[in-house]
Amino acid sequence: MNGKKKSKEPKTLLEDQQEIIQKIGDRIKELRISQGHTSSEKFAFENEIDRAQYGRYERGTDMRISTLVRVLRALNIDIETFFSEGFKDKK
């Protein structure tokens, strides 16, 4: 190294989208666990959500807005509350 710090390259749109999708998955998982649902498969089954697909959502797979609304309904949480934590940029 020549002593100069490399400037951080700005994120691409795809990287930004992937980060947000991952945050959504992390938030869904956090809420499910905080409500006492220890098994993602059981939670999905009880709420008539495909178990394998639900697991992918928690791991950060893209989903439709209608699916997010369905998951939030199963968690008894409104969309405003869902996005109130963990989505602000940390600078």
PDB file of N, CA and C in Angstrom:
ATOM      1  N   MET A   1       0.846  -1.182   0.000  1.00  0.00           N
ATOM      2  CA  MET A   1       0.000   0.000   0.000  1.00  0.00           C
ATOM      3  C   MET A   1       0.886   1.238   0.000  1.00  0.00           C
ATOM      4  N   ASN A   2       0.387   2.244  -0.630  1.00  0.00           N
ATOM      5  CA  ASN A   2       1.135   3.484  -0.716  1.00  0.00           C
ATOM      6  C   ASN A   2       0.694   4.507   0.321  1.00  0.00           C
ATOM      7  N   GLY A   3      -0.082   4.085   1.293  1.00  0.00           N
ATOM      8  CA  GLY A   3      -0.498   4.975   2.362  1.00  0.00           C
ATOM      9  C   GLY A   3      -1.807   5.689   2.090  1.00  0.00           C
ATOM     10  N   LYS A   4      -2.275   5.635   0.858  1.00  0.00           N
ATOM     11  CA  LYS A   4      -3.536   6.288   0.529  1.00  0.00           C
ATOM     12  C   LYS A   4      -4.688   5.329   0.787  1.00  0.00           C
ATOM     13  N   LYS A   5      -5.745   5.875   1.353  1.00  0.00           N
ATOM     14  CA  LYS A   5      -6.937   5.071   1.570  1.00  0.00           C
ATOM     15  C   LYS A   5      -7.728   5.013   0.275  1.00  0.00           C
ATOM     16  N   LYS A   6      -8.228   3.821  -0.019  1.00  0.00           N
ATOM     17  CA  LYS A   6      -9.087   3.686  -1.182  1.00  0.00           C
ATOM     18  C   LYS A   6     -10.459   4.239  -0.829  1.00  0.00           C
ATOM     19  N   SER A   7     -11.026   5.009  -1.747  1.00  0.00           N
ATOM     20  CA  SER A   7     -12.375   5.497  -1.505  1.00  0.00           C
ATOM     21  C   SER A   7     -13.341   4.351  -1.771  1.00  0.00           C
ATOM     22  N   LYS A   8     -14.345   4.286  -0.954  1.00  0.00           N
ATOM     23  CA  LYS A   8     -15.329   3.217  -1.098  1.00  0.00           C
ATOM     24  C   LYS A   8     -16.183   3.507  -2.333  1.00  0.00           C
ATOM     25  N   GLU A   9     -16.238   2.528  -3.202  1.00  0.00           N
ATOM     26  CA  GLU A   9     -17.049   2.665  -4.408  1.00  0.00           C
ATOM     27  C   GLU A   9     -18.524   2.679  -4.017  1.00  0.00           C
ATOM     28  N   PRO A  10     -19.305   3.514  -4.675  1.00  0.00           N
ATOM     29  CA  PRO A  10     -20.741   3.493  -4.375  1.00  0.00           C
ATOM     30  C   PRO A  10     -21.350   2.157  -4.791  1.00  0.00           C
ATOM     31  N   LYS A  11     -22.381   1.777  -4.070  1.00  0.00           N
ATOM     32  CA  LYS A  11     -23.068   0.518  -4.371  1.00  0.00           C
ATOM     33  C   LYS A  11     -23.780   0.634  -5.714  1.00  0.00           C
ATOM     34  N   THR A  12     -23.814  -0.479  -6.400  1.00  0.00           N
ATOM     35  CA  THR A  12     -24.619  -0.527  -7.615  1.00  0.00           C
ATOM     36  C   THR A  12     -26.073  -0.674  -7.207  1.00  0.00           C
ATOM     37  N   LEU A  13     -26.967  -0.437  -8.152  1.00  0.00           N
ATOM     38  CA  LEU A  13     -28.396  -0.589  -7.876  1.00  0.00           C
ATOM     39  C   LEU A  13     -28.700  -2.013  -7.451  1.00  0.00           C
ATOM     40  N   LEU A  14     -28.102  -2.990  -8.128  1.00  0.00           N
ATOM     41  CA  LEU A  14     -28.333  -4.390  -7.785  1.00  0.00           C
ATOM     42  C   LEU A  14     -27.852  -4.699  -6.370  1.00  0.00           C
ATOM     43  N   GLU A  15     -26.688  -4.195  -6.000  1.00  0.00           N
ATOM     44  CA  GLU A  15     -26.170  -4.421  -4.640  1.00  0.00           C
ATOM     45  C   GLU A  15     -27.088  -3.784  -3.606  1.00  0.00           C
ATOM     46  N   ASP A  16     -27.586  -2.595  -3.906  1.00  0.00           N
ATOM     47  CA  ASP A  16     -28.491  -1.910  -2.984  1.00  0.00           C
ATOM     48  C   ASP A  16     -29.796  -2.691  -2.831  1.00  0.00           C
ATOM     49  N   GLN A  17     -30.326  -3.183  -3.947  1.00  0.00           N
ATOM     50  CA  GLN A  17     -31.553  -3.978  -3.892  1.00  0.00           C
ATOM     51  C   GLN A  17     -31.338  -5.246  -3.079  1.00  0.00           C
ATOM     52  N   GLN A  18     -30.237  -5.926  -3.308  1.00  0.00           N
ATOM     53  CA  GLN A  18     -29.963  -7.167  -2.584  1.00  0.00           C
ATOM     54  C   GLN A  18     -29.825  -6.914  -1.090  1.00  0.00           C
ATOM     55  N   GLU A  19     -29.205  -5.796  -0.731  1.00  0.00           N
ATOM     56  CA  GLU A  19     -29.060  -5.461   0.690  1.00  0.00           C
ATOM     57  C   GLU A  19     -30.423  -5.216   1.334  1.00  0.00           C
ATOM     58  N   ILE A  20     -31.295  -4.519   0.652  1.00  0.00           N
ATOM     59  CA  ILE A  20     -32.630  -4.243   1.188  1.00  0.00           C
ATOM     60  C   ILE A  20     -33.434  -5.531   1.315  1.00  0.00           C
ATOM     61  N   ILE A  21     -33.376  -6.390   0.297  1.00  0.00           N
ATOM     62  CA  ILE A  21     -34.091  -7.664   0.339  1.00  0.00           C
ATOM     63  C   ILE A  21     -33.591  -8.509   1.503  1.00  0.00           C
ATOM     64  N   GLN A  22     -32.287  -8.504   1.743  1.00  0.00           N
ATOM     65  CA  GLN A  22     -31.725  -9.259   2.867  1.00  0.00           C
ATOM     66  C   GLN A  22     -32.208  -8.685   4.197  1.00  0.00           C
ATOM     67  N   LYS A  23     -32.281  -7.355   4.290  1.00  0.00           N
ATOM     68  CA  LYS A  23     -32.788  -6.721   5.515  1.00  0.00           C
ATOM     69  C   LYS A  23     -34.240  -7.121   5.773  1.00  0.00           C
ATOM     70  N   ILE A  24     -35.027  -7.214   4.706  1.00  0.00           N
ATOM     71  CA  ILE A  24     -36.426  -7.634   4.849  1.00  0.00           C
ATOM     72  C   ILE A  24     -36.484  -9.053   5.393  1.00  0.00           C
ATOM     73  N   GLY A  25     -35.679  -9.932   4.825  1.00  0.00           N
ATOM     74  CA  GLY A  25     -35.636 -11.313   5.300  1.00  0.00           C
ATOM     75  C   GLY A  25     -35.208 -11.410   6.750  1.00  0.00           C
ATOM     76  N   ASP A  26     -34.174 -10.644   7.105  1.00  0.00           N
ATOM     77  CA  ASP A  26     -33.688 -10.640   8.487  1.00  0.00           C
ATOM     78  C   ASP A  26     -34.765 -10.130   9.446  1.00  0.00           C
ATOM     79  N   ARG A  27     -35.484  -9.096   9.021  1.00  0.00           N
ATOM     80  CA  ARG A  27     -36.525  -8.504   9.875  1.00  0.00           C
ATOM     81  C   ARG A  27     -37.688  -9.480  10.076  1.00  0.00           C
ATOM     82  N   ILE A  28     -38.086 -10.173   8.997  1.00  0.00           N
ATOM     83  CA  ILE A  28     -39.153 -11.170   9.111  1.00  0.00           C
ATOM     84  C   ILE A  28     -38.751 -12.254  10.104  1.00  0.00           C
ATOM     85  N   LYS A  29     -37.536 -12.741   9.972  1.00  0.00           N
ATOM     86  CA  LYS A  29     -37.056 -13.795  10.869  1.00  0.00           C
ATOM     87  C   LYS A  29     -37.013 -13.296  12.311  1.00  0.00           C
ATOM     88  N   GLU A  30     -36.493 -12.094  12.504  1.00  0.00           N
ATOM     89  CA  GLU A  30     -36.410 -11.509  13.849  1.00  0.00           C
ATOM     90  C   GLU A  30     -37.789 -11.409  14.487  1.00  0.00           C
ATOM     91  N   LEU A  31     -38.776 -10.943  13.734  1.00  0.00           N
ATOM     92  CA  LEU A  31     -40.130 -10.806  14.268  1.00  0.00           C
ATOM     93  C   LEU A  31     -40.757 -12.159  14.566  1.00  0.00           C
ATOM     94  N   ARG A  32     -40.561 -13.123  13.668  1.00  0.00           N
ATOM     95  CA  ARG A  32     -41.114 -14.462  13.895  1.00  0.00           C
ATOM     96  C   ARG A  32     -40.585 -15.046  15.200  1.00  0.00           C
ATOM     97  N   ILE A  33     -39.270 -14.962  15.379  1.00  0.00           N
ATOM     98  CA  ILE A  33     -38.642 -15.524  16.584  1.00  0.00           C
ATOM     99  C   ILE A  33     -39.085 -14.758  17.834  1.00  0.00           C
ATOM    100  N   SER A  34     -39.149 -13.424  17.728  1.00  0.00           N
ATOM    101  CA  SER A  34     -39.538 -12.622  18.897  1.00  0.00           C
ATOM    102  C   SER A  34     -40.968 -12.913  19.340  1.00  0.00           C
ATOM    103  N   GLN A  35     -41.786 -13.426  18.426  1.00  0.00           N
ATOM    104  CA  GLN A  35     -43.164 -13.774  18.766  1.00  0.00           C
ATOM    105  C   GLN A  35     -43.293 -15.221  19.229  1.00  0.00           C
ATOM    106  N   GLY A  36     -42.160 -15.900  19.385  1.00  0.00           N
ATOM    107  CA  GLY A  36     -42.181 -17.252  19.927  1.00  0.00           C
ATOM    108  C   GLY A  36     -42.316 -18.366  18.903  1.00  0.00           C
ATOM    109  N   HIS A  37     -42.256 -18.023  17.628  1.00  0.00           N
ATOM    110  CA  HIS A  37     -42.328 -19.036  16.574  1.00  0.00           C
ATOM    111  C   HIS A  37     -40.906 -19.511  16.282  1.00  0.00           C
ATOM    112  N   THR A  38     -40.497 -20.584  16.920  1.00  0.00           N
ATOM    113  CA  THR A  38     -39.113 -21.036  16.793  1.00  0.00           C
ATOM    114  C   THR A  38     -38.840 -21.759  15.483  1.00  0.00           C
ATOM    115  N   SER A  39     -39.845 -22.336  14.876  1.00  0.00           N
ATOM    116  CA  SER A  39     -39.673 -23.081  13.632  1.00  0.00           C
ATOM    117  C   SER A  39     -40.267 -22.301  12.461  1.00  0.00           C
ATOM    118  N   SER A  40     -39.423 -21.967  11.493  1.00  0.00           N
ATOM    119  CA  SER A  40     -39.933 -21.255  10.319  1.00  0.00           C
ATOM    120  C   SER A  40     -40.883 -22.145   9.524  1.00  0.00           C
ATOM    121  N   GLU A  41     -40.596 -23.436   9.473  1.00  0.00           N
ATOM    122  CA  GLU A  41     -41.460 -24.355   8.732  1.00  0.00           C
ATOM    123  C   GLU A  41     -42.846 -24.447   9.372  1.00  0.00           C
ATOM    124  N   LYS A  42     -42.880 -24.559  10.678  1.00  0.00           N
ATOM    125  CA  LYS A  42     -44.170 -24.655  11.378  1.00  0.00           C
ATOM    126  C   LYS A  42     -44.957 -23.354  11.222  1.00  0.00           C
ATOM    127  N   PHE A  43     -44.265 -22.217  11.344  1.00  0.00           N
ATOM    128  CA  PHE A  43     -44.911 -20.916  11.169  1.00  0.00           C
ATOM    129  C   PHE A  43     -45.531 -20.819   9.774  1.00  0.00           C
ATOM    130  N   ALA A  44     -44.766 -21.185   8.771  1.00  0.00           N
ATOM    131  CA  ALA A  44     -45.254 -21.124   7.389  1.00  0.00           C
ATOM    132  C   ALA A  44     -46.454 -22.049   7.207  1.00  0.00           C
ATOM    133  N   PHE A  45     -46.341 -23.267   7.687  1.00  0.00           N
ATOM    134  CA  PHE A  45     -47.425 -24.237   7.560  1.00  0.00           C
ATOM    135  C   PHE A  45     -48.700 -23.726   8.229  1.00  0.00           C
ATOM    136  N   GLU A  46     -48.583 -23.217   9.442  1.00  0.00           N
ATOM    137  CA  GLU A  46     -49.746 -22.741  10.189  1.00  0.00           C
ATOM    138  C   GLU A  46     -50.417 -21.551   9.511  1.00  0.00           C
ATOM    139  N   ASN A  47     -49.650 -20.814   8.698  1.00  0.00           N
ATOM    140  CA  ASN A  47     -50.185 -19.621   8.037  1.00  0.00           C
ATOM    141  C   ASN A  47     -50.389 -19.828   6.537  1.00  0.00           C
ATOM    142  N   GLU A  48     -50.373 -21.101   6.122  1.00  0.00           N
ATOM    143  CA  GLU A  48     -50.631 -21.481   4.737  1.00  0.00           C
ATOM    144  C   GLU A  48     -49.722 -20.759   3.742  1.00  0.00           C
ATOM    145  N   ILE A  49     -48.443 -20.714   4.103  1.00  0.00           N
ATOM    146  CA  ILE A  49     -47.405 -20.168   3.237  1.00  0.00           C
ATOM    147  C   ILE A  49     -46.495 -21.339   2.889  1.00  0.00           C
ATOM    148  N   ASP A  50     -46.133 -21.465   1.618  1.00  0.00           N
ATOM    149  CA  ASP A  50     -45.248 -22.555   1.220  1.00  0.00           C
ATOM    150  C   ASP A  50     -44.003 -22.542   2.106  1.00  0.00           C
ATOM    151  N   ARG A  51     -43.748 -23.667   2.773  1.00  0.00           N
ATOM    152  CA  ARG A  51     -42.672 -23.727   3.763  1.00  0.00           C
ATOM    153  C   ARG A  51     -41.301 -23.489   3.152  1.00  0.00           C
ATOM    154  N   ALA A  52     -41.012 -24.102   2.032  1.00  0.00           N
ATOM    155  CA  ALA A  52     -39.696 -23.931   1.399  1.00  0.00           C
ATOM    156  C   ALA A  52     -39.509 -22.488   0.930  1.00  0.00           C
ATOM    157  N   GLN A  53     -40.554 -21.928   0.340  1.00  0.00           N
ATOM    158  CA  GLN A  53     -40.449 -20.549  -0.146  1.00  0.00           C
ATOM    159  C   GLN A  53     -40.300 -19.581   1.022  1.00  0.00           C
ATOM    160  N   TYR A  54     -41.031 -19.813   2.102  1.00  0.00           N
ATOM    161  CA  TYR A  54     -40.906 -18.938   3.266  1.00  0.00           C
ATOM    162  C   TYR A  54     -39.472 -18.943   3.791  1.00  0.00           C
ATOM    163  N   GLY A  55     -38.865 -20.098   3.846  1.00  0.00           N
ATOM    164  CA  GLY A  55     -37.468 -20.189   4.280  1.00  0.00           C
ATOM    165  C   GLY A  55     -36.547 -19.365   3.384  1.00  0.00           C
ATOM    166  N   ARG A  56     -36.823 -19.380   2.088  1.00  0.00           N
ATOM    167  CA  ARG A  56     -36.013 -18.576   1.159  1.00  0.00           C
ATOM    168  C   ARG A  56     -36.214 -17.089   1.426  1.00  0.00           C
ATOM    169  N   TYR A  57     -37.431 -16.677   1.762  1.00  0.00           N
ATOM    170  CA  TYR A  57     -37.673 -15.262   2.068  1.00  0.00           C
ATOM    171  C   TYR A  57     -36.829 -14.821   3.259  1.00  0.00           C
ATOM    172  N   GLU A  58     -36.802 -15.641   4.295  1.00  0.00           N
ATOM    173  CA  GLU A  58     -36.007 -15.291   5.477  1.00  0.00           C
ATOM    174  C   GLU A  58     -34.510 -15.240   5.152  1.00  0.00           C
ATOM    175  N   ARG A  59     -34.083 -15.988   4.151  1.00  0.00           N
ATOM    176  CA  ARG A  59     -32.675 -15.981   3.756  1.00  0.00           C
ATOM    177  C   ARG A  59     -32.356 -14.891   2.741  1.00  0.00           C
ATOM    178  N   GLY A  60     -33.344 -14.082   2.369  1.00  0.00           N
ATOM    179  CA  GLY A  60     -33.076 -12.944   1.510  1.00  0.00           C
ATOM    180  C   GLY A  60     -33.408 -13.120   0.045  1.00  0.00           C
ATOM    181  N   THR A  61     -34.361 -13.993  -0.253  1.00  0.00           N
ATOM    182  CA  THR A  61     -34.829 -14.137  -1.626  1.00  0.00           C
ATOM    183  C   THR A  61     -35.899 -13.077  -1.890  1.00  0.00           C
ATOM    184  N   ASP A  62     -35.876 -12.529  -3.079  1.00  0.00           N
ATOM    185  CA  ASP A  62     -36.846 -11.506  -3.464  1.00  0.00           C
ATOM    186  C   ASP A  62     -38.268 -12.050  -3.365  1.00  0.00           C
ATOM    187  N   MET A  63     -39.187 -11.174  -3.019  1.00  0.00           N
ATOM    188  CA  MET A  63     -40.587 -11.576  -2.941  1.00  0.00           C
ATOM    189  C   MET A  63     -41.466 -10.451  -3.443  1.00  0.00           C
ATOM    190  N   ARG A  64     -42.671 -10.800  -3.787  1.00  0.00           N
ATOM    191  CA  ARG A  64     -43.643  -9.809  -4.229  1.00  0.00           C
ATOM    192  C   ARG A  64     -44.150  -9.022  -3.014  1.00  0.00           C
ATOM    193  N   ILE A  65     -44.595  -7.818  -3.270  1.00  0.00           N
ATOM    194  CA  ILE A  65     -45.170  -6.989  -2.194  1.00  0.00           C
ATOM    195  C   ILE A  65     -46.379  -7.701  -1.586  1.00  0.00           C
ATOM    196  N   SER A  66     -47.187  -8.333  -2.406  1.00  0.00           N
ATOM    197  CA  SER A  66     -48.368  -9.025  -1.884  1.00  0.00           C
ATOM    198  C   SER A  66     -47.970 -10.152  -0.937  1.00  0.00           C
ATOM    199  N   THR A  67     -46.840 -10.791  -1.211  1.00  0.00           N
ATOM    200  CA  THR A  67     -46.362 -11.844  -0.318  1.00  0.00           C
ATOM    201  C   THR A  67     -45.889 -11.245   0.995  1.00  0.00           C
ATOM    202  N   LEU A  68     -45.187 -10.133   0.929  1.00  0.00           N
ATOM    203  CA  LEU A  68     -44.743  -9.462   2.151  1.00  0.00           C
ATOM    204  C   LEU A  68     -45.945  -9.082   3.006  1.00  0.00           C
ATOM    205  N   VAL A  69     -46.973  -8.550   2.381  1.00  0.00           N
ATOM    206  CA  VAL A  69     -48.189  -8.172   3.119  1.00  0.00           C
ATOM    207  C   VAL A  69     -48.803  -9.408   3.773  1.00  0.00           C
ATOM    208  N   ARG A  70     -48.825 -10.519   3.074  1.00  0.00           N
ATOM    209  CA  ARG A  70     -49.378 -11.764   3.629  1.00  0.00           C
ATOM    210  C   ARG A  70     -48.571 -12.238   4.839  1.00  0.00           C
ATOM    211  N   VAL A  71     -47.241 -12.175   4.734  1.00  0.00           N
ATOM    212  CA  VAL A  71     -46.380 -12.581   5.850  1.00  0.00           C
ATOM    213  C   VAL A  71     -46.586 -11.646   7.032  1.00  0.00           C
ATOM    214  N   LEU A  72     -46.664 -10.354   6.765  1.00  0.00           N
ATOM    215  CA  LEU A  72     -46.861  -9.392   7.859  1.00  0.00           C
ATOM    216  C   LEU A  72     -48.214  -9.598   8.534  1.00  0.00           C
ATOM    217  N   ARG A  73     -49.215  -9.944   7.756  1.00  0.00           N
ATOM    218  CA  ARG A  73     -50.530 -10.231   8.344  1.00  0.00           C
ATOM    219  C   ARG A  73     -50.434 -11.438   9.280  1.00  0.00           C
ATOM    220  N   ALA A  74     -49.679 -12.456   8.855  1.00  0.00           N
ATOM    221  CA  ALA A  74     -49.498 -13.645   9.694  1.00  0.00           C
ATOM    222  C   ALA A  74     -48.760 -13.298  10.986  1.00  0.00           C
ATOM    223  N   LEU A  75     -47.889 -12.288  10.919  1.00  0.00           N
ATOM    224  CA  LEU A  75     -47.144 -11.848  12.101  1.00  0.00           C
ATOM    225  C   LEU A  75     -47.917 -10.800  12.916  1.00  0.00           C
ATOM    226  N   ASN A  76     -49.107 -10.429  12.446  1.00  0.00           N
ATOM    227  CA  ASN A  76     -49.927  -9.396  13.097  1.00  0.00           C
ATOM    228  C   ASN A  76     -49.168  -8.079  13.260  1.00  0.00           C
ATOM    229  N   ILE A  77     -48.536  -7.645  12.177  1.00  0.00           N
ATOM    230  CA  ILE A  77     -47.783  -6.399  12.211  1.00  0.00           C
ATOM    231  C   ILE A  77     -48.089  -5.597  10.956  1.00  0.00           C
ATOM    232  N   ASP A  78     -48.250  -4.289  11.110  1.00  0.00           N
ATOM    233  CA  ASP A  78     -48.538  -3.463   9.938  1.00  0.00           C
ATOM    234  C   ASP A  78     -47.225  -3.069   9.254  1.00  0.00           C
ATOM    235  N   ILE A  79     -47.344  -2.641   8.031  1.00  0.00           N
ATOM    236  CA  ILE A  79     -46.157  -2.371   7.219  1.00  0.00           C
ATOM    237  C   ILE A  79     -45.334  -1.207   7.776  1.00  0.00           C
ATOM    238  N   GLU A  80     -46.002  -0.217   8.360  1.00  0.00           N
ATOM    239  CA  GLU A  80     -45.277   0.918   8.942  1.00  0.00           C
ATOM    240  C   GLU A  80     -44.396   0.460  10.098  1.00  0.00           C
ATOM    241  N   THR A  81     -44.952  -0.382  10.951  1.00  0.00           N
ATOM    242  CA  THR A  81     -44.181  -0.906  12.081  1.00  0.00           C
ATOM    243  C   THR A  81     -43.034  -1.774  11.581  1.00  0.00           C
ATOM    244  N   PHE A  82     -43.306  -2.590  10.573  1.00  0.00           N
ATOM    245  CA  PHE A  82     -42.280  -3.469  10.021  1.00  0.00           C
ATOM    246  C   PHE A  82     -41.067  -2.672   9.568  1.00  0.00           C
ATOM    247  N   PHE A  83     -41.299  -1.595   8.837  1.00  0.00           N
ATOM    248  CA  PHE A  83     -40.187  -0.812   8.289  1.00  0.00           C
ATOM    249  C   PHE A  83     -39.660   0.257   9.252  1.00  0.00           C
ATOM    250  N   SER A  84     -40.187   0.299  10.476  1.00  0.00           N
ATOM    251  CA  SER A  84     -39.757   1.329  11.426  1.00  0.00           C
ATOM    252  C   SER A  84     -38.392   1.017  12.057  1.00  0.00           C
ATOM    253  N   GLU A  85     -37.927  -0.217  11.950  1.00  0.00           N
ATOM    254  CA  GLU A  85     -36.647  -0.594  12.548  1.00  0.00           C
ATOM    255  C   GLU A  85     -35.758  -1.315  11.538  1.00  0.00           C
ATOM    256  N   GLY A  86     -34.487  -0.958  11.531  1.00  0.00           N
ATOM    257  CA  GLY A  86     -33.503  -1.699  10.755  1.00  0.00           C
ATOM    258  C   GLY A  86     -33.355  -1.317   9.305  1.00  0.00           C
ATOM    259  N   PHE A  87     -34.012  -0.236   8.869  1.00  0.00           N
ATOM    260  CA  PHE A  87     -33.935   0.117   7.454  1.00  0.00           C
ATOM    261  C   PHE A  87     -33.328   1.494   7.193  1.00  0.00           C
ATOM    262  N   LYS A  88     -32.981   2.215   8.232  1.00  0.00           N
ATOM    263  CA  LYS A  88     -32.351   3.520   8.031  1.00  0.00           C
ATOM    264  C   LYS A  88     -30.886   3.332   7.713  1.00  0.00           C
ATOM    265  N   ASP A  89     -30.382   4.157   6.798  1.00  0.00           N
ATOM    266  CA  ASP A  89     -28.960   4.095   6.462  1.00  0.00           C
ATOM    267  C   ASP A  89     -28.135   4.524   7.654  1.00  0.00           C
ATOM    268  N   LYS A  90     -27.094   3.742   7.894  1.00  0.00           N
ATOM    269  CA  LYS A  90     -26.153   4.100   8.972  1.00  0.00           C
ATOM    270  C   LYS A  90     -24.979   4.805   8.320  1.00  0.00           C
ATOM    271  N   LYS A  91     -24.757   6.043   8.690  1.00  0.00           N
ATOM    272  CA  LYS A  91     -23.664   6.825   8.091  1.00  0.00           C
ATOM    273  C   LYS A  91     -22.668   7.228   9.124  1.00  0.00           C
TER     274      LYS A  91
END
